[in-house]
């Protein structure tokens, strides 16, 4: 069985636009794709990052990644909308083959859950290290008694 084909569009927004506008752009492109019956797999804001070289006198940009699955016709429509937007300074769409990406939700509850799980893992690792240290100390004490 062959893996399904999907597309990843990474676009860079101007760094001086407010957070609400970044969200509105993301929502606008998602709705555009949904309107033409394209399945939006994932949308992630990657944050503000320094550019490798200045683009339109900007040294930073807000990166957004959009994964979508369709017949390929949606790429031209999406890129035309981005080309006409003054806030998008660069975009690139790549055709991907392989397992579909799992959506990453950035809800506060999931972040808390992840933090709790990592804290639990850290505690169990610390406990296992403590027990190893105790075993080593007991071995040293035993070997000292034998000498």
N, C-alpha and C. Protein backbone atom coordinates (compact mmCIF):
# COMPACT_ATOMS: atom_id res chain seq x y z
N UNK A 1 0.83 -1.18 0.00
CA UNK A 1 0.00 0.00 0.00
C UNK A 1 0.87 1.25 0.00
N UNK A 2 0.56 2.19 -0.83
CA UNK A 2 1.35 3.41 -0.89
C UNK A 2 0.82 4.42 0.12
N UNK A 3 1.73 5.21 0.63
CA UNK A 3 1.35 6.25 1.58
C UNK A 3 0.62 7.37 0.86
N UNK A 4 -0.34 8.02 1.51
CA UNK A 4 -1.07 9.10 0.87
C UNK A 4 -0.19 10.33 0.66
N UNK A 5 -0.57 11.12 -0.32
CA UNK A 5 0.15 12.35 -0.63
C UNK A 5 -0.55 13.51 0.05
N UNK A 6 0.25 14.38 0.64
CA UNK A 6 -0.28 15.60 1.23
C UNK A 6 0.70 16.73 0.97
N UNK A 7 0.31 17.94 1.29
CA UNK A 7 1.11 19.12 1.00
C UNK A 7 1.38 19.89 2.29
N UNK A 8 2.58 20.44 2.39
CA UNK A 8 2.93 21.30 3.51
C UNK A 8 3.28 22.66 2.95
N UNK A 9 2.58 23.67 3.41
CA UNK A 9 2.86 25.04 3.01
C UNK A 9 3.42 25.78 4.21
N UNK A 10 4.63 26.28 4.07
CA UNK A 10 5.24 27.10 5.10
C UNK A 10 5.22 28.52 4.58
N UNK A 11 4.68 29.43 5.38
CA UNK A 11 4.69 30.82 4.96
C UNK A 11 5.20 31.69 6.09
N UNK A 12 5.77 32.83 5.70
CA UNK A 12 6.37 33.75 6.65
C UNK A 12 5.60 35.06 6.58
N UNK A 13 5.13 35.50 7.74
CA UNK A 13 4.40 36.77 7.84
C UNK A 13 5.34 37.86 8.35
N UNK A 14 4.99 39.09 8.05
CA UNK A 14 5.79 40.22 8.54
C UNK A 14 5.86 40.17 10.06
N UNK A 15 7.00 40.54 10.64
CA UNK A 15 7.15 40.43 12.10
C UNK A 15 6.41 41.52 12.87
N UNK A 16 6.01 42.60 12.22
CA UNK A 16 5.41 43.72 12.94
C UNK A 16 3.88 43.64 13.04
N UNK A 17 3.28 42.55 12.56
CA UNK A 17 1.83 42.44 12.69
C UNK A 17 1.48 41.85 14.05
N UNK A 18 0.35 42.27 14.64
CA UNK A 18 -0.02 41.75 15.97
C UNK A 18 -0.43 40.28 15.93
N UNK A 19 -0.41 39.66 17.10
CA UNK A 19 -0.72 38.23 17.25
C UNK A 19 -2.11 37.89 16.71
N UNK A 20 -3.08 38.79 16.93
CA UNK A 20 -4.45 38.53 16.46
C UNK A 20 -4.50 38.43 14.94
N UNK A 21 -3.70 39.26 14.26
CA UNK A 21 -3.67 39.20 12.80
C UNK A 21 -3.02 37.92 12.30
N UNK A 22 -2.03 37.44 13.03
CA UNK A 22 -1.39 36.17 12.67
C UNK A 22 -2.45 35.06 12.72
N UNK A 23 -3.24 35.06 13.79
CA UNK A 23 -4.31 34.06 13.91
C UNK A 23 -5.34 34.23 12.81
N UNK A 24 -5.67 35.48 12.46
CA UNK A 24 -6.67 35.70 11.41
C UNK A 24 -6.16 35.23 10.05
N UNK A 25 -4.87 35.39 9.79
CA UNK A 25 -4.29 34.88 8.53
C UNK A 25 -4.38 33.36 8.50
N UNK A 26 -4.00 32.73 9.60
CA UNK A 26 -4.05 31.27 9.68
C UNK A 26 -5.47 30.78 9.44
N UNK A 27 -6.42 31.43 10.09
CA UNK A 27 -7.83 31.06 9.94
C UNK A 27 -8.31 31.29 8.51
N UNK A 28 -7.87 32.40 7.90
CA UNK A 28 -8.28 32.74 6.53
C UNK A 28 -7.83 31.66 5.54
N UNK A 29 -6.59 31.21 5.66
CA UNK A 29 -6.07 30.21 4.72
C UNK A 29 -6.70 28.84 4.98
N UNK A 30 -6.95 28.52 6.25
CA UNK A 30 -7.63 27.27 6.56
C UNK A 30 -9.03 27.26 5.96
N UNK A 31 -9.77 28.34 6.14
CA UNK A 31 -11.13 28.44 5.60
C UNK A 31 -11.14 28.42 4.08
N UNK A 32 -10.13 29.04 3.46
CA UNK A 32 -10.03 29.03 2.01
C UNK A 32 -9.90 27.61 1.49
N UNK A 33 -9.06 26.81 2.15
CA UNK A 33 -8.88 25.42 1.74
C UNK A 33 -10.14 24.60 2.01
N UNK A 34 -10.77 24.81 3.15
CA UNK A 34 -11.98 24.06 3.47
C UNK A 34 -13.12 24.40 2.51
N UNK A 35 -13.15 25.64 2.03
CA UNK A 35 -14.19 26.07 1.11
C UNK A 35 -14.10 25.33 -0.23
N UNK A 36 -12.89 24.95 -0.62
CA UNK A 36 -12.72 24.23 -1.89
C UNK A 36 -12.58 22.72 -1.65
N UNK A 37 -13.12 22.26 -0.52
CA UNK A 37 -13.17 20.83 -0.17
C UNK A 37 -11.80 20.17 -0.06
N UNK A 38 -10.88 20.86 0.59
CA UNK A 38 -9.55 20.31 0.85
C UNK A 38 -9.47 20.05 2.35
N UNK A 39 -8.94 18.90 2.72
CA UNK A 39 -8.81 18.54 4.12
C UNK A 39 -7.57 19.20 4.72
N UNK A 40 -7.78 20.03 5.73
CA UNK A 40 -6.66 20.65 6.44
C UNK A 40 -6.24 19.69 7.54
N UNK A 41 -5.01 19.20 7.46
CA UNK A 41 -4.52 18.20 8.40
C UNK A 41 -3.99 18.84 9.68
N UNK A 42 -3.28 19.96 9.54
CA UNK A 42 -2.63 20.57 10.69
C UNK A 42 -2.26 22.00 10.36
N UNK A 43 -2.27 22.84 11.36
CA UNK A 43 -1.84 24.22 11.23
C UNK A 43 -1.07 24.57 12.48
N UNK A 44 0.19 24.97 12.32
CA UNK A 44 1.05 25.26 13.47
C UNK A 44 1.72 26.60 13.30
N UNK A 45 1.66 27.40 14.35
CA UNK A 45 2.42 28.64 14.33
C UNK A 45 3.80 28.34 14.92
N UNK A 46 4.82 28.54 14.14
CA UNK A 46 6.19 28.21 14.57
C UNK A 46 6.87 29.35 15.30
N UNK A 47 6.26 30.54 15.29
CA UNK A 47 6.80 31.66 16.05
C UNK A 47 7.66 32.59 15.24
N UNK A 48 8.10 33.65 15.90
CA UNK A 48 8.95 34.65 15.26
C UNK A 48 10.39 34.18 15.28
N UNK A 49 11.01 34.21 14.11
CA UNK A 49 12.40 33.74 14.00
C UNK A 49 13.20 34.70 13.12
N UNK A 50 14.48 34.66 13.30
CA UNK A 50 15.38 35.48 12.50
C UNK A 50 15.51 34.85 11.11
N UNK A 51 15.47 35.69 10.08
CA UNK A 51 15.60 35.21 8.71
C UNK A 51 17.07 35.04 8.35
N UNK A 52 17.34 34.17 7.42
CA UNK A 52 18.72 33.93 6.99
C UNK A 52 19.27 35.15 6.24
N UNK A 53 18.39 35.87 5.57
CA UNK A 53 18.76 37.09 4.85
C UNK A 53 17.55 38.02 4.87
N UNK A 54 17.79 39.33 4.75
CA UNK A 54 16.65 40.25 4.80
C UNK A 54 15.69 40.05 3.62
N UNK A 55 14.39 40.10 3.92
CA UNK A 55 13.36 40.01 2.91
C UNK A 55 12.49 41.26 3.06
N UNK A 56 12.43 42.07 2.04
CA UNK A 56 11.67 43.33 2.08
C UNK A 56 12.04 44.15 3.31
N UNK A 57 13.33 44.24 3.58
CA UNK A 57 13.88 44.99 4.71
C UNK A 57 13.51 44.44 6.08
N UNK A 58 12.97 43.23 6.13
CA UNK A 58 12.65 42.58 7.40
C UNK A 58 13.77 41.58 7.72
N UNK A 59 14.20 41.58 8.99
CA UNK A 59 15.23 40.64 9.42
C UNK A 59 14.63 39.47 10.19
N UNK A 60 13.34 39.58 10.56
CA UNK A 60 12.63 38.53 11.27
C UNK A 60 11.32 38.27 10.57
N UNK A 61 10.71 37.13 10.90
CA UNK A 61 9.41 36.81 10.34
C UNK A 61 8.68 35.82 11.23
N UNK A 62 7.36 35.78 11.10
CA UNK A 62 6.54 34.84 11.86
C UNK A 62 6.26 33.65 10.95
N UNK A 63 6.74 32.48 11.34
CA UNK A 63 6.60 31.27 10.54
C UNK A 63 5.32 30.53 10.89
N UNK A 64 4.59 30.09 9.86
CA UNK A 64 3.37 29.30 10.05
C UNK A 64 3.43 28.12 9.09
N UNK A 65 3.12 26.93 9.57
CA UNK A 65 3.11 25.72 8.75
C UNK A 65 1.69 25.21 8.63
N UNK A 66 1.28 24.90 7.40
CA UNK A 66 -0.08 24.43 7.12
C UNK A 66 0.01 23.15 6.31
N UNK A 67 -0.50 22.05 6.86
CA UNK A 67 -0.52 20.76 6.17
C UNK A 67 -1.92 20.50 5.65
N UNK A 68 -2.02 20.11 4.38
CA UNK A 68 -3.34 19.89 3.78
C UNK A 68 -3.26 18.76 2.76
N UNK A 69 -4.42 18.12 2.55
CA UNK A 69 -4.49 16.98 1.63
C UNK A 69 -5.59 17.25 0.62
N UNK A 70 -5.22 17.17 -0.65
CA UNK A 70 -6.17 17.39 -1.73
C UNK A 70 -5.61 16.86 -3.04
N UNK A 71 -6.20 17.29 -4.14
CA UNK A 71 -5.78 16.78 -5.44
C UNK A 71 -4.62 17.57 -6.05
N UNK A 72 -4.16 18.62 -5.39
CA UNK A 72 -3.04 19.41 -5.90
C UNK A 72 -3.47 20.73 -6.52
N UNK A 73 -4.73 20.83 -6.90
CA UNK A 73 -5.23 22.08 -7.49
C UNK A 73 -5.28 23.21 -6.46
N UNK A 74 -5.38 22.84 -5.19
CA UNK A 74 -5.50 23.84 -4.14
C UNK A 74 -4.23 24.64 -3.95
N UNK A 75 -3.10 24.11 -4.38
CA UNK A 75 -1.82 24.79 -4.16
C UNK A 75 -1.80 26.13 -4.89
N UNK A 76 -2.24 26.14 -6.15
CA UNK A 76 -2.25 27.38 -6.92
C UNK A 76 -3.19 28.41 -6.30
N UNK A 77 -4.34 27.97 -5.82
CA UNK A 77 -5.31 28.88 -5.21
C UNK A 77 -4.74 29.47 -3.91
N UNK A 78 -4.15 28.61 -3.09
CA UNK A 78 -3.58 29.05 -1.82
C UNK A 78 -2.42 30.01 -2.05
N UNK A 79 -1.53 29.65 -2.96
CA UNK A 79 -0.37 30.50 -3.21
C UNK A 79 -0.76 31.83 -3.84
N UNK A 80 -1.81 31.86 -4.64
CA UNK A 80 -2.27 33.12 -5.22
C UNK A 80 -2.78 34.04 -4.11
N UNK A 81 -3.53 33.48 -3.16
CA UNK A 81 -4.03 34.27 -2.03
C UNK A 81 -2.86 34.83 -1.21
N UNK A 82 -1.81 34.03 -1.03
CA UNK A 82 -0.64 34.48 -0.28
C UNK A 82 0.14 35.54 -1.05
N UNK A 83 0.23 35.37 -2.34
CA UNK A 83 0.94 36.33 -3.18
C UNK A 83 0.27 37.70 -3.13
N UNK A 84 -1.07 37.73 -3.04
CA UNK A 84 -1.81 38.98 -3.01
C UNK A 84 -1.81 39.64 -1.63
N UNK A 85 -1.45 38.91 -0.60
CA UNK A 85 -1.42 39.46 0.76
C UNK A 85 -0.12 40.23 0.98
N UNK A 86 -0.25 41.43 1.53
CA UNK A 86 0.94 42.23 1.83
C UNK A 86 1.66 41.75 3.08
N UNK A 87 0.96 40.98 3.91
CA UNK A 87 1.57 40.50 5.16
C UNK A 87 2.43 39.26 4.98
N UNK A 88 2.23 38.52 3.89
CA UNK A 88 3.03 37.32 3.63
C UNK A 88 4.26 37.74 2.84
N UNK A 89 5.44 37.51 3.43
CA UNK A 89 6.67 37.92 2.73
C UNK A 89 7.34 36.77 1.99
N UNK A 90 7.04 35.53 2.35
CA UNK A 90 7.53 34.34 1.63
C UNK A 90 6.59 33.19 1.88
N UNK A 91 6.54 32.25 0.92
CA UNK A 91 5.76 31.03 1.09
C UNK A 91 6.39 29.94 0.23
N UNK A 92 6.18 28.71 0.64
CA UNK A 92 6.69 27.57 -0.11
C UNK A 92 5.80 26.37 0.19
N UNK A 93 5.38 25.67 -0.85
CA UNK A 93 4.57 24.47 -0.69
C UNK A 93 5.38 23.28 -1.18
N UNK A 94 5.40 22.23 -0.37
CA UNK A 94 6.15 21.02 -0.68
C UNK A 94 5.19 19.85 -0.68
N UNK A 95 5.31 19.00 -1.71
CA UNK A 95 4.50 17.80 -1.79
C UNK A 95 5.18 16.72 -0.96
N UNK A 96 4.43 16.11 -0.04
CA UNK A 96 4.98 15.10 0.86
C UNK A 96 4.32 13.76 0.59
N UNK A 97 5.10 12.71 0.73
CA UNK A 97 4.57 11.35 0.67
C UNK A 97 5.03 10.64 1.93
N UNK A 98 4.12 9.96 2.56
CA UNK A 98 4.46 9.27 3.79
C UNK A 98 3.28 9.30 4.72
N UNK A 99 3.49 8.91 5.97
CA UNK A 99 2.38 8.93 6.92
C UNK A 99 1.89 10.36 7.14
N UNK A 100 0.59 10.49 7.27
CA UNK A 100 0.00 11.81 7.47
C UNK A 100 0.44 12.38 8.81
N UNK A 101 0.66 13.69 8.89
CA UNK A 101 1.07 14.27 10.16
C UNK A 101 -0.06 14.22 11.18
N UNK A 102 0.30 14.03 12.43
CA UNK A 102 -0.71 14.05 13.48
C UNK A 102 -0.89 15.49 13.93
N UNK A 103 -2.12 15.93 14.04
CA UNK A 103 -2.35 17.33 14.44
C UNK A 103 -1.79 17.63 15.82
N UNK A 104 -1.14 18.76 15.93
CA UNK A 104 -0.60 19.21 17.20
C UNK A 104 -1.54 20.28 17.73
N UNK A 105 -2.16 20.00 18.86
CA UNK A 105 -3.04 21.00 19.47
C UNK A 105 -2.24 21.73 20.52
N UNK A 106 -2.45 23.02 20.61
CA UNK A 106 -1.69 23.82 21.56
C UNK A 106 -2.60 24.33 22.66
N UNK A 107 -3.48 23.48 23.14
CA UNK A 107 -4.36 23.89 24.23
C UNK A 107 -3.59 23.88 25.53
N UNK A 108 -3.98 24.73 26.45
CA UNK A 108 -3.32 24.83 27.73
C UNK A 108 -3.42 23.55 28.52
N UNK A 109 -4.54 22.83 28.39
CA UNK A 109 -4.73 21.59 29.14
C UNK A 109 -3.72 20.53 28.71
N UNK A 110 -3.48 20.45 27.41
CA UNK A 110 -2.51 19.44 26.94
C UNK A 110 -1.10 19.78 27.38
N UNK A 111 -0.78 21.09 27.39
CA UNK A 111 0.54 21.50 27.86
C UNK A 111 0.72 21.11 29.33
N UNK A 112 -0.33 21.33 30.13
CA UNK A 112 -0.27 20.95 31.55
C UNK A 112 -0.07 19.45 31.69
N UNK A 113 -0.83 18.69 30.87
CA UNK A 113 -0.76 17.23 30.93
C UNK A 113 0.65 16.76 30.58
N UNK A 114 1.23 17.35 29.51
CA UNK A 114 2.58 16.98 29.11
C UNK A 114 3.58 17.31 30.21
N UNK A 115 3.43 18.48 30.85
CA UNK A 115 4.34 18.86 31.93
C UNK A 115 4.22 17.91 33.11
N UNK A 116 2.98 17.53 33.44
CA UNK A 116 2.78 16.59 34.55
C UNK A 116 3.42 15.25 34.24
N UNK A 117 3.26 14.78 32.99
CA UNK A 117 3.86 13.51 32.60
C UNK A 117 5.37 13.57 32.68
N UNK A 118 5.95 14.69 32.21
CA UNK A 118 7.41 14.80 32.25
C UNK A 118 7.90 14.89 33.69
N UNK A 119 7.13 15.59 34.55
CA UNK A 119 7.51 15.64 35.97
C UNK A 119 7.46 14.26 36.59
N UNK A 120 6.43 13.48 36.27
CA UNK A 120 6.31 12.12 36.78
C UNK A 120 7.48 11.28 36.30
N UNK A 121 7.82 11.42 35.01
CA UNK A 121 8.96 10.68 34.47
C UNK A 121 10.25 11.09 35.17
N UNK A 122 10.42 12.41 35.40
CA UNK A 122 11.62 12.89 36.08
C UNK A 122 11.72 12.32 37.49
N UNK A 123 10.57 12.26 38.20
CA UNK A 123 10.57 11.72 39.55
C UNK A 123 10.93 10.24 39.56
N UNK A 124 10.38 9.48 38.61
CA UNK A 124 10.69 8.05 38.57
C UNK A 124 12.15 7.82 38.21
N UNK A 125 12.70 8.66 37.33
CA UNK A 125 14.12 8.54 36.99
C UNK A 125 14.96 8.87 38.22
N UNK A 126 14.56 9.90 38.96
CA UNK A 126 15.30 10.28 40.16
C UNK A 126 15.25 9.16 41.19
N UNK A 127 14.08 8.54 41.36
CA UNK A 127 13.96 7.43 42.30
C UNK A 127 14.84 6.27 41.90
N UNK A 128 14.87 5.93 40.61
CA UNK A 128 15.70 4.81 40.18
C UNK A 128 17.18 5.13 40.36
N UNK A 129 17.57 6.40 40.16
CA UNK A 129 18.96 6.78 40.38
C UNK A 129 19.31 6.69 41.85
N UNK A 130 18.37 7.11 42.71
CA UNK A 130 18.60 7.02 44.15
C UNK A 130 18.81 5.57 44.57
N UNK A 131 17.96 4.68 44.04
CA UNK A 131 18.09 3.27 44.43
C UNK A 131 19.41 2.70 43.90
N UNK A 132 19.85 3.12 42.72
CA UNK A 132 21.14 2.66 42.20
C UNK A 132 22.27 3.16 43.09
N UNK A 133 22.18 4.43 43.51
CA UNK A 133 23.21 4.98 44.38
C UNK A 133 23.27 4.22 45.71
N UNK A 134 22.11 3.89 46.27
CA UNK A 134 22.07 3.13 47.51
C UNK A 134 22.72 1.76 47.33
N UNK A 135 22.45 1.10 46.21
CA UNK A 135 23.04 -0.20 45.94
C UNK A 135 24.56 -0.09 45.87
N UNK A 136 25.05 0.96 45.19
CA UNK A 136 26.50 1.15 45.06
C UNK A 136 27.14 1.43 46.42
N UNK A 137 26.46 2.24 47.24
CA UNK A 137 26.99 2.53 48.57
C UNK A 137 27.04 1.25 49.40
N UNK A 138 25.97 0.44 49.33
CA UNK A 138 25.95 -0.82 50.08
C UNK A 138 27.07 -1.74 49.62
N UNK A 139 27.33 -1.79 48.32
CA UNK A 139 28.43 -2.64 47.81
C UNK A 139 29.78 -2.15 48.33
N UNK A 140 29.96 -0.82 48.35
CA UNK A 140 31.22 -0.26 48.83
C UNK A 140 31.42 -0.56 50.31
N UNK A 141 30.34 -0.40 51.09
CA UNK A 141 30.42 -0.69 52.52
C UNK A 141 30.77 -2.16 52.77
N UNK A 142 30.16 -3.03 51.98
CA UNK A 142 30.41 -4.46 52.14
C UNK A 142 31.85 -4.79 51.81
N UNK A 143 32.36 -4.19 50.71
CA UNK A 143 33.75 -4.49 50.33
C UNK A 143 34.72 -3.91 51.34
N UNK A 144 34.38 -2.77 51.98
CA UNK A 144 35.24 -2.20 53.02
C UNK A 144 35.26 -3.09 54.25
N UNK A 145 34.13 -3.70 54.60
CA UNK A 145 34.07 -4.60 55.75
C UNK A 145 34.91 -5.84 55.49
N UNK A 146 34.88 -6.33 54.24
CA UNK A 146 35.65 -7.53 53.91
C UNK A 146 37.15 -7.27 53.99
N UNK A 147 37.57 -6.06 53.74
CA UNK A 147 39.01 -5.72 53.76
C UNK A 147 39.42 -5.49 55.16
